[in-house]
């Protein structure tokens, strides 16, 4: 039977303190820069560093810039002051009782040409 031993591991010491400070300086100078631009800026300043190292340091320090969400127009908002127009294509509606429901042309085609399967 193997003997189990316990070993305490030494705490991991951060050896990238100087590099971390430089990444923080660049990210404060250029807040809209991501990890790629910061890496290239550090390379321009003479610091030999890789993309993954800068990305890891920026993740640990929560320095990654957040992208702004693109503005999207809500096309389903019918509560507006603009004029509305009726659908002039009379073939796109089917009459069911008192209400008319618009049906796309492909569905209308499938409904009229559908044959019962045996």
PDB file of N, CA and C in Angstrom:
ATOM      1  N   UNK A   1       0.831  -1.174   0.000  1.00  0.00           N
ATOM      2  CA  UNK A   1       0.000   0.000   0.000  1.00  0.00           C
ATOM      3  C   UNK A   1       0.885   1.250   0.000  1.00  0.00           C
ATOM      4  N   UNK A   2       0.617   2.193  -0.900  1.00  0.00           N
ATOM      5  CA  UNK A   2       1.483   3.376  -0.953  1.00  0.00           C
ATOM      6  C   UNK A   2       1.257   4.294   0.242  1.00  0.00           C
ATOM      7  N   UNK A   3       2.310   4.912   0.648  1.00  0.00           N
ATOM      8  CA  UNK A   3       2.246   5.843   1.771  1.00  0.00           C
ATOM      9  C   UNK A   3       1.883   7.221   1.215  1.00  0.00           C
ATOM     10  N   UNK A   4       0.875   7.816   1.820  1.00  0.00           N
ATOM     11  CA  UNK A   4       0.461   9.143   1.381  1.00  0.00           C
ATOM     12  C   UNK A   4       1.196  10.188   2.196  1.00  0.00           C
ATOM     13  N   UNK A   5       1.718  11.138   1.513  1.00  0.00           N
ATOM     14  CA  UNK A   5       2.415  12.224   2.203  1.00  0.00           C
ATOM     15  C   UNK A   5       1.737  13.533   1.855  1.00  0.00           C
ATOM     16  N   UNK A   6       1.836  14.453   2.747  1.00  0.00           N
ATOM     17  CA  UNK A   6       1.311  15.780   2.509  1.00  0.00           C
ATOM     18  C   UNK A   6       2.461  16.731   2.365  1.00  0.00           C
ATOM     19  N   UNK A   7       2.320  17.568   1.388  1.00  0.00           N
ATOM     20  CA  UNK A   7       3.381  18.544   1.196  1.00  0.00           C
ATOM     21  C   UNK A   7       2.716  19.899   1.029  1.00  0.00           C
ATOM     22  N   UNK A   8       3.218  20.843   1.734  1.00  0.00           N
ATOM     23  CA  UNK A   8       2.694  22.192   1.592  1.00  0.00           C
ATOM     24  C   UNK A   8       3.458  22.883   0.482  1.00  0.00           C
ATOM     25  N   UNK A   9       2.717  23.505  -0.358  1.00  0.00           N
ATOM     26  CA  UNK A   9       3.340  24.212  -1.457  1.00  0.00           C
ATOM     27  C   UNK A   9       3.557  25.660  -1.077  1.00  0.00           C
ATOM     28  N   UNK A  10       4.657  26.182  -1.553  1.00  0.00           N
ATOM     29  CA  UNK A  10       4.932  27.598  -1.309  1.00  0.00           C
ATOM     30  C   UNK A  10       3.954  28.430  -2.127  1.00  0.00           C
ATOM     31  N   UNK A  11       3.530  29.569  -1.586  1.00  0.00           N
ATOM     32  CA  UNK A  11       2.610  30.405  -2.353  1.00  0.00           C
ATOM     33  C   UNK A  11       3.287  30.930  -3.622  1.00  0.00           C
ATOM     34  N   UNK A  12       2.493  31.066  -4.654  1.00  0.00           N
ATOM     35  CA  UNK A  12       3.027  31.538  -5.926  1.00  0.00           C
ATOM     36  C   UNK A  12       3.306  33.031  -5.818  1.00  0.00           C
ATOM     37  N   UNK A  13       4.537  33.398  -6.126  1.00  0.00           N
ATOM     38  CA  UNK A  13       4.950  34.797  -6.062  1.00  0.00           C
ATOM     39  C   UNK A  13       4.841  35.380  -7.465  1.00  0.00           C
ATOM     40  N   UNK A  14       4.216  36.556  -7.575  1.00  0.00           N
ATOM     41  CA  UNK A  14       4.041  37.206  -8.868  1.00  0.00           C
ATOM     42  C   UNK A  14       5.380  37.808  -9.289  1.00  0.00           C
ATOM     43  N   UNK A  15       5.936  37.266 -10.380  1.00  0.00           N
ATOM     44  CA  UNK A  15       7.223  37.762 -10.862  1.00  0.00           C
ATOM     45  C   UNK A  15       7.054  38.851 -11.905  1.00  0.00           C
ATOM     46  N   UNK A  16       5.816  39.147 -12.285  1.00  0.00           N
ATOM     47  CA  UNK A  16       5.553  40.127 -13.330  1.00  0.00           C
ATOM     48  C   UNK A  16       5.103  41.466 -12.759  1.00  0.00           C
ATOM     49  N   UNK A  17       5.640  41.871 -11.619  1.00  0.00           N
ATOM     50  CA  UNK A  17       5.195  43.107 -10.981  1.00  0.00           C
ATOM     51  C   UNK A  17       5.539  44.314 -11.855  1.00  0.00           C
ATOM     52  N   UNK A  18       6.762  44.346 -12.383  1.00  0.00           N
ATOM     53  CA  UNK A  18       7.168  45.464 -13.231  1.00  0.00           C
ATOM     54  C   UNK A  18       6.343  45.497 -14.515  1.00  0.00           C
ATOM     55  N   UNK A  19       6.146  44.328 -15.117  1.00  0.00           N
ATOM     56  CA  UNK A  19       5.348  44.243 -16.335  1.00  0.00           C
ATOM     57  C   UNK A  19       3.895  44.627 -16.061  1.00  0.00           C
ATOM     58  N   UNK A  20       3.370  44.194 -14.927  1.00  0.00           N
ATOM     59  CA  UNK A  20       1.994  44.544 -14.556  1.00  0.00           C
ATOM     60  C   UNK A  20       1.835  46.053 -14.408  1.00  0.00           C
ATOM     61  N   UNK A  21       2.836  46.710 -13.804  1.00  0.00           N
ATOM     62  CA  UNK A  21       2.796  48.167 -13.667  1.00  0.00           C
ATOM     63  C   UNK A  21       2.809  48.859 -15.026  1.00  0.00           C
ATOM     64  N   UNK A  22       3.619  48.355 -15.947  1.00  0.00           N
ATOM     65  CA  UNK A  22       3.690  48.961 -17.275  1.00  0.00           C
ATOM     66  C   UNK A  22       2.374  48.774 -18.044  1.00  0.00           C
ATOM     67  N   UNK A  23       1.775  47.598 -17.915  1.00  0.00           N
ATOM     68  CA  UNK A  23       0.482  47.363 -18.572  1.00  0.00           C
ATOM     69  C   UNK A  23      -0.568  48.311 -18.000  1.00  0.00           C
ATOM     70  N   UNK A  24      -0.558  48.515 -16.696  1.00  0.00           N
ATOM     71  CA  UNK A  24      -1.511  49.428 -16.074  1.00  0.00           C
ATOM     72  C   UNK A  24      -1.275  50.869 -16.521  1.00  0.00           C
ATOM     73  N   UNK A  25      -0.009  51.273 -16.673  1.00  0.00           N
ATOM     74  CA  UNK A  25       0.296  52.627 -17.142  1.00  0.00           C
ATOM     75  C   UNK A  25      -0.247  52.849 -18.548  1.00  0.00           C
ATOM     76  N   UNK A  26       0.014  51.895 -19.435  1.00  0.00           N
ATOM     77  CA  UNK A  26      -0.442  52.038 -20.817  1.00  0.00           C
ATOM     78  C   UNK A  26      -1.965  52.034 -20.875  1.00  0.00           C
ATOM     79  N   UNK A  27      -2.622  51.174 -20.084  1.00  0.00           N
ATOM     80  CA  UNK A  27      -4.074  51.116 -20.131  1.00  0.00           C
ATOM     81  C   UNK A  27      -4.710  52.369 -19.536  1.00  0.00           C
ATOM     82  N   UNK A  28      -4.010  53.045 -18.615  1.00  0.00           N
ATOM     83  CA  UNK A  28      -4.520  54.313 -18.108  1.00  0.00           C
ATOM     84  C   UNK A  28      -4.317  55.436 -19.128  1.00  0.00           C
ATOM     85  N   UNK A  29      -3.209  55.382 -19.875  1.00  0.00           N
ATOM     86  CA  UNK A  29      -2.973  56.380 -20.915  1.00  0.00           C
ATOM     87  C   UNK A  29      -3.967  56.215 -22.064  1.00  0.00           C
ATOM     88  N   UNK A  30      -4.219  54.979 -22.437  1.00  0.00           N
ATOM     89  CA  UNK A  30      -5.082  54.667 -23.565  1.00  0.00           C
ATOM     90  C   UNK A  30      -6.204  53.749 -23.095  1.00  0.00           C
ATOM     91  N   UNK A  31      -7.277  54.280 -22.511  1.00  0.00           N
ATOM     92  CA  UNK A  31      -8.316  53.416 -21.945  1.00  0.00           C
ATOM     93  C   UNK A  31      -9.101  52.613 -22.981  1.00  0.00           C
ATOM     94  N   UNK A  32      -9.071  53.032 -24.238  1.00  0.00           N
ATOM     95  CA  UNK A  32      -9.826  52.290 -25.252  1.00  0.00           C
ATOM     96  C   UNK A  32      -8.991  51.201 -25.909  1.00  0.00           C
ATOM     97  N   UNK A  33      -7.732  51.042 -25.503  1.00  0.00           N
ATOM     98  CA  UNK A  33      -6.869  50.021 -26.090  1.00  0.00           C
ATOM     99  C   UNK A  33      -7.200  48.653 -25.516  1.00  0.00           C
ATOM    100  N   UNK A  34      -7.199  47.662 -26.360  1.00  0.00           N
ATOM    101  CA  UNK A  34      -7.354  46.279 -25.933  1.00  0.00           C
ATOM    102  C   UNK A  34      -5.984  45.652 -25.720  1.00  0.00           C
ATOM    103  N   UNK A  35      -5.960  44.350 -25.495  1.00  0.00           N
ATOM    104  CA  UNK A  35      -4.691  43.704 -25.160  1.00  0.00           C
ATOM    105  C   UNK A  35      -3.737  43.692 -26.347  1.00  0.00           C
ATOM    106  N   UNK A  36      -4.243  43.652 -27.571  1.00  0.00           N
ATOM    107  CA  UNK A  36      -3.349  43.638 -28.736  1.00  0.00           C
ATOM    108  C   UNK A  36      -2.643  44.974 -28.892  1.00  0.00           C
ATOM    109  N   UNK A  37      -3.399  46.051 -28.793  1.00  0.00           N
ATOM    110  CA  UNK A  37      -2.784  47.372 -28.928  1.00  0.00           C
ATOM    111  C   UNK A  37      -1.820  47.663 -27.786  1.00  0.00           C
ATOM    112  N   UNK A  38      -2.183  47.238 -26.583  1.00  0.00           N
ATOM    113  CA  UNK A  38      -1.286  47.454 -25.440  1.00  0.00           C
ATOM    114  C   UNK A  38      -0.013  46.654 -25.625  1.00  0.00           C
ATOM    115  N   UNK A  39      -0.122  45.438 -26.148  1.00  0.00           N
ATOM    116  CA  UNK A  39       1.073  44.636 -26.418  1.00  0.00           C
ATOM    117  C   UNK A  39       1.986  45.341 -27.404  1.00  0.00           C
ATOM    118  N   UNK A  40       1.420  45.866 -28.479  1.00  0.00           N
ATOM    119  CA  UNK A  40       2.239  46.550 -29.480  1.00  0.00           C
ATOM    120  C   UNK A  40       2.832  47.846 -28.924  1.00  0.00           C
ATOM    121  N   UNK A  41       2.093  48.516 -28.061  1.00  0.00           N
ATOM    122  CA  UNK A  41       2.631  49.729 -27.426  1.00  0.00           C
ATOM    123  C   UNK A  41       3.791  49.373 -26.507  1.00  0.00           C
ATOM    124  N   UNK A  42       3.675  48.288 -25.776  1.00  0.00           N
ATOM    125  CA  UNK A  42       4.782  47.855 -24.909  1.00  0.00           C
ATOM    126  C   UNK A  42       5.987  47.446 -25.744  1.00  0.00           C
ATOM    127  N   UNK A  43       5.756  46.793 -26.879  1.00  0.00           N
ATOM    128  CA  UNK A  43       6.867  46.430 -27.760  1.00  0.00           C
ATOM    129  C   UNK A  43       7.542  47.680 -28.310  1.00  0.00           C
ATOM    130  N   UNK A  44       6.751  48.720 -28.628  1.00  0.00           N
ATOM    131  CA  UNK A  44       7.344  49.988 -29.090  1.00  0.00           C
ATOM    132  C   UNK A  44       8.187  50.625 -28.009  1.00  0.00           C
ATOM    133  N   UNK A  45       7.793  50.428 -26.753  1.00  0.00           N
ATOM    134  CA  UNK A  45       8.537  51.006 -25.632  1.00  0.00           C
ATOM    135  C   UNK A  45       9.715  50.142 -25.207  1.00  0.00           C
ATOM    136  N   UNK A  46       9.930  49.039 -25.890  1.00  0.00           N
ATOM    137  CA  UNK A  46      11.109  48.221 -25.621  1.00  0.00           C
ATOM    138  C   UNK A  46      10.899  47.087 -24.645  1.00  0.00           C
ATOM    139  N   UNK A  47       9.671  46.753 -24.307  1.00  0.00           N
ATOM    140  CA  UNK A  47       9.380  45.661 -23.391  1.00  0.00           C
ATOM    141  C   UNK A  47       9.091  44.420 -24.228  1.00  0.00           C
ATOM    142  N   UNK A  48       9.841  43.363 -24.016  1.00  0.00           N
ATOM    143  CA  UNK A  48       9.649  42.112 -24.749  1.00  0.00           C
ATOM    144  C   UNK A  48       8.579  41.297 -24.038  1.00  0.00           C
ATOM    145  N   UNK A  49       7.375  41.258 -24.622  1.00  0.00           N
ATOM    146  CA  UNK A  49       6.241  40.609 -23.983  1.00  0.00           C
ATOM    147  C   UNK A  49       5.349  40.018 -25.070  1.00  0.00           C
ATOM    148  N   UNK A  50       4.629  38.960 -24.725  1.00  0.00           N
ATOM    149  CA  UNK A  50       3.734  38.307 -25.674  1.00  0.00           C
ATOM    150  C   UNK A  50       2.280  38.692 -25.438  1.00  0.00           C
ATOM    151  N   UNK A  51       1.451  38.387 -26.434  1.00  0.00           N
ATOM    152  CA  UNK A  51       0.028  38.719 -26.369  1.00  0.00           C
ATOM    153  C   UNK A  51      -0.674  38.020 -25.206  1.00  0.00           C
ATOM    154  N   UNK A  52      -0.374  36.736 -25.042  1.00  0.00           N
ATOM    155  CA  UNK A  52      -1.076  35.967 -24.015  1.00  0.00           C
ATOM    156  C   UNK A  52      -0.726  36.440 -22.609  1.00  0.00           C
ATOM    157  N   UNK A  53       0.508  36.890 -22.414  1.00  0.00           N
ATOM    158  CA  UNK A  53       0.911  37.396 -21.106  1.00  0.00           C
ATOM    159  C   UNK A  53       0.159  38.677 -20.784  1.00  0.00           C
ATOM    160  N   UNK A  54       0.082  39.575 -21.769  1.00  0.00           N
ATOM    161  CA  UNK A  54      -0.635  40.839 -21.554  1.00  0.00           C
ATOM    162  C   UNK A  54      -2.114  40.566 -21.325  1.00  0.00           C
ATOM    163  N   UNK A  55      -2.693  39.647 -22.089  1.00  0.00           N
ATOM    164  CA  UNK A  55      -4.102  39.307 -21.915  1.00  0.00           C
ATOM    165  C   UNK A  55      -4.353  38.750 -20.520  1.00  0.00           C
ATOM    166  N   UNK A  56      -3.481  37.869 -20.049  1.00  0.00           N
ATOM    167  CA  UNK A  56      -3.649  37.291 -18.713  1.00  0.00           C
ATOM    168  C   UNK A  56      -3.564  38.363 -17.633  1.00  0.00           C
ATOM    169  N   UNK A  57      -2.575  39.271 -17.761  1.00  0.00           N
ATOM    170  CA  UNK A  57      -2.419  40.330 -16.761  1.00  0.00           C
ATOM    171  C   UNK A  57      -3.615  41.283 -16.779  1.00  0.00           C
ATOM    172  N   UNK A  58      -4.116  41.580 -17.975  1.00  0.00           N
ATOM    173  CA  UNK A  58      -5.262  42.482 -18.059  1.00  0.00           C
ATOM    174  C   UNK A  58      -6.526  41.830 -17.499  1.00  0.00           C
ATOM    175  N   UNK A  59      -6.674  40.523 -17.697  1.00  0.00           N
ATOM    176  CA  UNK A  59      -7.820  39.818 -17.108  1.00  0.00           C
ATOM    177  C   UNK A  59      -7.746  39.814 -15.594  1.00  0.00           C
ATOM    178  N   UNK A  60      -6.549  39.542 -15.069  1.00  0.00           N
ATOM    179  CA  UNK A  60      -6.388  39.490 -13.619  1.00  0.00           C
ATOM    180  C   UNK A  60      -6.640  40.850 -12.976  1.00  0.00           C
ATOM    181  N   UNK A  61      -6.252  41.928 -13.658  1.00  0.00           N
ATOM    182  CA  UNK A  61      -6.437  43.276 -13.116  1.00  0.00           C
ATOM    183  C   UNK A  61      -7.732  43.934 -13.572  1.00  0.00           C
ATOM    184  N   UNK A  62      -8.540  43.206 -14.319  1.00  0.00           N
ATOM    185  CA  UNK A  62      -9.819  43.709 -14.819  1.00  0.00           C
ATOM    186  C   UNK A  62      -9.629  44.996 -15.630  1.00  0.00           C
ATOM    187  N   UNK A  63      -8.694  44.955 -16.561  1.00  0.00           N
ATOM    188  CA  UNK A  63      -8.375  46.119 -17.378  1.00  0.00           C
ATOM    189  C   UNK A  63      -8.879  46.003 -18.808  1.00  0.00           C
ATOM    190  N   UNK A  64      -9.554  44.918 -19.151  1.00  0.00           N
ATOM    191  CA  UNK A  64     -10.043  44.768 -20.514  1.00  0.00           C
ATOM    192  C   UNK A  64     -11.137  45.789 -20.773  1.00  0.00           C
ATOM    193  N   UNK A  65     -11.044  46.475 -21.906  1.00  0.00           N
ATOM    194  CA  UNK A  65     -12.032  47.506 -22.209  1.00  0.00           C
ATOM    195  C   UNK A  65     -13.324  46.853 -22.674  1.00  0.00           C
ATOM    196  N   UNK A  66     -14.425  47.441 -22.289  1.00  0.00           N
ATOM    197  CA  UNK A  66     -15.731  46.937 -22.670  1.00  0.00           C
ATOM    198  C   UNK A  66     -16.154  47.615 -23.957  1.00  0.00           C
ATOM    199  N   UNK A  67     -16.680  46.825 -24.878  1.00  0.00           N
ATOM    200  CA  UNK A  67     -17.146  47.387 -26.138  1.00  0.00           C
ATOM    201  C   UNK A  67     -18.518  48.007 -25.957  1.00  0.00           C
ATOM    202  N   UNK A  68     -18.737  49.115 -26.640  1.00  0.00           N
ATOM    203  CA  UNK A  68     -20.057  49.722 -26.627  1.00  0.00           C
ATOM    204  C   UNK A  68     -20.963  48.899 -27.524  1.00  0.00           C
ATOM    205  N   UNK A  69     -22.199  48.716 -27.085  1.00  0.00           N
ATOM    206  CA  UNK A  69     -23.142  47.980 -27.913  1.00  0.00           C
ATOM    207  C   UNK A  69     -23.612  48.857 -29.055  1.00  0.00           C
ATOM    208  N   UNK A  70     -23.746  48.249 -30.198  1.00  0.00           N
ATOM    209  CA  UNK A  70     -24.196  48.967 -31.368  1.00  0.00           C
ATOM    210  C   UNK A  70     -25.647  49.385 -31.199  1.00  0.00           C
ATOM    211  N   UNK A  71     -25.960  50.622 -31.599  1.00  0.00           N
ATOM    212  CA  UNK A  71     -27.331  51.102 -31.521  1.00  0.00           C
ATOM    213  C   UNK A  71     -28.153  50.434 -32.607  1.00  0.00           C
ATOM    214  N   UNK A  72     -29.243  49.831 -32.221  1.00  0.00           N
ATOM    215  CA  UNK A  72     -30.116  49.162 -33.172  1.00  0.00           C
ATOM    216  C   UNK A  72     -31.491  49.800 -33.116  1.00  0.00           C
ATOM    217  N   UNK A  73     -32.031  50.061 -34.265  1.00  0.00           N
ATOM    218  CA  UNK A  73     -33.344  50.657 -34.355  1.00  0.00           C
ATOM    219  C   UNK A  73     -34.392  49.573 -34.141  1.00  0.00           C
ATOM    220  N   UNK A  74     -35.342  49.835 -33.280  1.00  0.00           N
ATOM    221  CA  UNK A  74     -36.421  48.879 -33.034  1.00  0.00           C
ATOM    222  C   UNK A  74     -37.422  49.003 -34.169  1.00  0.00           C
ATOM    223  N   UNK A  75     -37.522  47.977 -34.975  1.00  0.00           N
ATOM    224  CA  UNK A  75     -38.403  48.053 -36.136  1.00  0.00           C
ATOM    225  C   UNK A  75     -39.823  47.619 -35.809  1.00  0.00           C
ATOM    226  N   UNK A  76     -40.050  47.065 -34.645  1.00  0.00           N
ATOM    227  CA  UNK A  76     -41.377  46.578 -34.318  1.00  0.00           C
ATOM    228  C   UNK A  76     -42.165  47.588 -33.489  1.00  0.00           C
ATOM    229  N   UNK A  77     -41.638  48.770 -33.285  1.00  0.00           N
ATOM    230  CA  UNK A  77     -42.323  49.786 -32.507  1.00  0.00           C
ATOM    231  C   UNK A  77     -43.403  50.426 -33.370  1.00  0.00           C
ATOM    232  N   UNK A  78     -44.648  50.142 -33.087  1.00  0.00           N
ATOM    233  CA  UNK A  78     -45.732  50.717 -33.878  1.00  0.00           C
ATOM    234  C   UNK A  78     -46.336  51.936 -33.198  1.00  0.00           C
ATOM    235  N   UNK A  79     -45.827  52.310 -32.047  1.00  0.00           N
ATOM    236  CA  UNK A  79     -46.337  53.475 -31.334  1.00  0.00           C
ATOM    237  C   UNK A  79     -45.453  54.677 -31.670  1.00  0.00           C
ATOM    238  N   UNK A  80     -45.615  55.189 -32.892  1.00  0.00           N
ATOM    239  CA  UNK A  80     -44.829  56.333 -33.332  1.00  0.00           C
ATOM    240  C   UNK A  80     -45.734  57.309 -34.051  1.00  0.00           C
ATOM    241  N   UNK A  81     -45.232  58.489 -34.297  1.00  0.00           N
ATOM    242  CA  UNK A  81     -46.019  59.522 -34.939  1.00  0.00           C
ATOM    243  C   UNK A  81     -45.920  59.527 -36.444  1.00  0.00           C
ATOM    244  N   UNK A  82     -45.251  58.561 -37.020  1.00  0.00           N
ATOM    245  CA  UNK A  82     -45.089  58.515 -38.466  1.00  0.00           C
ATOM    246  C   UNK A  82     -46.339  57.940 -39.125  1.00  0.00           C
ATOM    247  N   UNK A  83     -46.588  58.305 -40.380  1.00  0.00           N
ATOM    248  CA  UNK A  83     -47.770  57.762 -41.054  1.00  0.00           C
ATOM    249  C   UNK A  83     -47.612  56.271 -41.316  1.00  0.00           C
ATOM    250  N   UNK A  84     -48.712  55.538 -41.211  1.00  0.00           N
ATOM    251  CA  UNK A  84     -48.711  54.109 -41.504  1.00  0.00           C
ATOM    252  C   UNK A  84     -49.548  53.876 -42.751  1.00  0.00           C
ATOM    253  N   UNK A  85     -49.208  52.849 -43.491  1.00  0.00           N
ATOM    254  CA  UNK A  85     -49.868  52.574 -44.755  1.00  0.00           C
ATOM    255  C   UNK A  85     -50.444  51.165 -44.724  1.00  0.00           C
ATOM    256  N   UNK A  86     -51.566  50.999 -45.396  1.00  0.00           N
ATOM    257  CA  UNK A  86     -52.182  49.681 -45.473  1.00  0.00           C
ATOM    258  C   UNK A  86     -51.438  48.812 -46.473  1.00  0.00           C
ATOM    259  N   UNK A  87     -51.571  47.508 -46.308  1.00  0.00           N
ATOM    260  CA  UNK A  87     -50.986  46.579 -47.240  1.00  0.00           C
ATOM    261  C   UNK A  87     -51.870  46.531 -48.486  1.00  0.00           C
ATOM    262  N   UNK A  88     -51.320  46.957 -49.608  1.00  0.00           N
ATOM    263  CA  UNK A  88     -52.108  47.022 -50.843  1.00  0.00           C
ATOM    264  C   UNK A  88     -52.123  45.705 -51.602  1.00  0.00           C
ATOM    265  N   UNK A  89     -51.318  44.750 -51.193  1.00  0.00           N
ATOM    266  CA  UNK A  89     -51.280  43.447 -51.848  1.00  0.00           C
ATOM    267  C   UNK A  89     -52.404  42.595 -51.284  1.00  0.00           C
ATOM    268  N   UNK A  90     -53.516  42.542 -51.975  1.00  0.00           N
ATOM    269  CA  UNK A  90     -54.683  41.830 -51.457  1.00  0.00           C
ATOM    270  C   UNK A  90     -54.488  40.319 -51.466  1.00  0.00           C
ATOM    271  N   UNK A  91     -53.506  39.830 -52.228  1.00  0.00           N
ATOM    272  CA  UNK A  91     -53.290  38.385 -52.270  1.00  0.00           C
ATOM    273  C   UNK A  91     -52.557  37.876 -51.036  1.00  0.00           C
ATOM    274  N   UNK A  92     -52.061  38.765 -50.186  1.00  0.00           N
ATOM    275  CA  UNK A  92     -51.311  38.341 -48.996  1.00  0.00           C
ATOM    276  C   UNK A  92     -52.201  38.108 -47.791  1.00  0.00           C
ATOM    277  N   UNK A  93     -53.484  38.292 -47.913  1.00  0.00           N
ATOM    278  CA  UNK A  93     -54.355  38.088 -46.758  1.00  0.00           C
ATOM    279  C   UNK A  93     -55.334  36.972 -47.046  1.00  0.00           C
ATOM    280  N   UNK A  94     -55.663  36.251 -46.011  1.00  0.00           N
ATOM    281  CA  UNK A  94     -56.691  35.212 -46.121  1.00  0.00           C
ATOM    282  C   UNK A  94     -57.810  35.588 -45.179  1.00  0.00           C
ATOM    283  N   UNK A  95     -59.017  35.423 -45.588  1.00  0.00           N
ATOM    284  CA  UNK A  95     -60.166  35.783 -44.770  1.00  0.00           C
ATOM    285  C   UNK A  95     -60.574  34.590 -43.921  1.00  0.00           C
ATOM    286  N   UNK A  96     -60.566  34.781 -42.605  1.00  0.00           N
ATOM    287  CA  UNK A  96     -61.072  33.755 -41.696  1.00  0.00           C
ATOM    288  C   UNK A  96     -62.073  34.431 -40.789  1.00  0.00           C
ATOM    289  N   UNK A  97     -63.301  34.339 -41.117  1.00  0.00           N
ATOM    290  CA  UNK A  97     -64.325  34.997 -40.312  1.00  0.00           C
ATOM    291  C   UNK A  97     -64.258  36.498 -40.527  1.00  0.00           C
ATOM    292  N   UNK A  98     -64.289  37.244 -39.434  1.00  0.00           N
ATOM    293  CA  UNK A  98     -64.286  38.699 -39.530  1.00  0.00           C
ATOM    294  C   UNK A  98     -62.869  39.252 -39.607  1.00  0.00           C
ATOM    295  N   UNK A  99     -61.877  38.496 -39.152  1.00  0.00           N
ATOM    296  CA  UNK A  99     -60.502  39.007 -39.111  1.00  0.00           C
ATOM    297  C   UNK A  99     -59.722  38.508 -40.312  1.00  0.00           C
ATOM    298  N   UNK A 100     -58.810  39.333 -40.767  1.00  0.00           N
ATOM    299  CA  UNK A 100     -57.932  38.897 -41.854  1.00  0.00           C
ATOM    300  C   UNK A 100     -56.528  38.764 -41.307  1.00  0.00           C
ATOM    301  N   UNK A 101     -55.863  37.685 -41.665  1.00  0.00           N
ATOM    302  CA  UNK A 101     -54.523  37.408 -41.182  1.00  0.00           C
ATOM    303  C   UNK A 101     -53.567  37.394 -42.355  1.00  0.00           C
ATOM    304  N   UNK A 102     -52.491  38.197 -42.300  1.00  0.00           N
ATOM    305  CA  UNK A 102     -51.538  38.162 -43.404  1.00  0.00           C
ATOM    306  C   UNK A 102     -50.795  36.832 -43.437  1.00  0.00           C
ATOM    307  N   UNK A 103     -50.636  36.289 -44.635  1.00  0.00           N
ATOM    308  CA  UNK A 103     -49.932  35.026 -44.824  1.00  0.00           C
ATOM    309  C   UNK A 103     -48.841  35.267 -45.854  1.00  0.00           C
ATOM    310  N   UNK A 104     -47.588  34.919 -45.554  1.00  0.00           N
ATOM    311  CA  UNK A 104     -46.533  35.094 -46.544  1.00  0.00           C
ATOM    312  C   UNK A 104     -46.810  34.268 -47.790  1.00  0.00           C
ATOM    313  N   UNK A 105     -46.276  34.703 -48.905  1.00  0.00           N
ATOM    314  CA  UNK A 105     -46.582  34.066 -50.173  1.00  0.00           C
ATOM    315  C   UNK A 105     -46.129  32.605 -50.219  1.00  0.00           C
ATOM    316  N   UNK A 106     -45.003  32.268 -49.590  1.00  0.00           N
ATOM    317  CA  UNK A 106     -44.527  30.885 -49.628  1.00  0.00           C
ATOM    318  C   UNK A 106     -45.488  29.974 -48.857  1.00  0.00           C
ATOM    319  N   UNK A 107     -46.004  30.478 -47.725  1.00  0.00           N
ATOM    320  CA  UNK A 107     -46.958  29.682 -46.954  1.00  0.00           C
ATOM    321  C   UNK A 107     -48.258  29.519 -47.714  1.00  0.00           C
ATOM    322  N   UNK A 108     -48.712  30.600 -48.375  1.00  0.00           N
ATOM    323  CA  UNK A 108     -49.936  30.545 -49.150  1.00  0.00           C
ATOM    324  C   UNK A 108     -49.788  29.518 -50.265  1.00  0.00           C
ATOM    325  N   UNK A 109     -48.606  29.513 -50.899  1.00  0.00           N
ATOM    326  CA  UNK A 109     -48.355  28.558 -51.967  1.00  0.00           C
ATOM    327  C   UNK A 109     -48.387  27.122 -51.433  1.00  0.00           C
ATOM    328  N   UNK A 110     -47.784  26.898 -50.280  1.00  0.00           N
ATOM    329  CA  UNK A 110     -47.760  25.556 -49.704  1.00  0.00           C
ATOM    330  C   UNK A 110     -49.137  25.117 -49.252  1.00  0.00           C
ATOM    331  N   UNK A 111     -49.943  26.078 -48.754  1.00  0.00           N
ATOM    332  CA  UNK A 111     -51.289  25.731 -48.299  1.00  0.00           C
ATOM    333  C   UNK A 111     -52.202  25.342 -49.457  1.00  0.00           C
ATOM    334  N   UNK A 112     -52.033  26.025 -50.592  1.00  0.00           N
ATOM    335  CA  UNK A 112     -52.936  25.755 -51.708  1.00  0.00           C
ATOM    336  C   UNK A 112     -52.509  24.536 -52.495  1.00  0.00           C
ATOM    337  N   UNK A 113     -51.231  24.187 -52.511  1.00  0.00           N
ATOM    338  CA  UNK A 113     -50.749  23.072 -53.329  1.00  0.00           C
ATOM    339  C   UNK A 113     -50.443  21.839 -52.520  1.00  0.00           C
ATOM    340  N   UNK A 114     -50.723  21.866 -51.220  1.00  0.00           N
ATOM    341  CA  UNK A 114     -50.399  20.702 -50.381  1.00  0.00           C
ATOM    342  C   UNK A 114     -51.343  19.562 -50.695  1.00  0.00           C
ATOM    343  N   UNK A 115     -50.744  18.403 -50.853  1.00  0.00           N
ATOM    344  CA  UNK A 115     -51.571  17.219 -51.108  1.00  0.00           C
ATOM    345  C   UNK A 115     -51.475  16.298 -49.901  1.00  0.00           C
ATOM    346  N   UNK A 116     -52.555  15.660 -49.524  1.00  0.00           N
ATOM    347  CA  UNK A 116     -52.513  14.780 -48.353  1.00  0.00           C
ATOM    348  C   UNK A 116     -51.601  13.583 -48.637  1.00  0.00           C
ATOM    349  N   UNK A 117     -50.766  13.267 -47.668  1.00  0.00           N
ATOM    350  CA  UNK A 117     -49.848  12.128 -47.843  1.00  0.00           C
ATOM    351  C   UNK A 117     -50.557  10.849 -47.433  1.00  0.00           C
ATOM    352  N   UNK A 118     -50.251   9.803 -48.154  1.00  0.00           N
ATOM    353  CA  UNK A 118     -50.928   8.534 -47.919  1.00  0.00           C
ATOM    354  C   UNK A 118     -50.162   7.680 -46.960  1.00  0.00           C
TER     355      UNK A 118
END
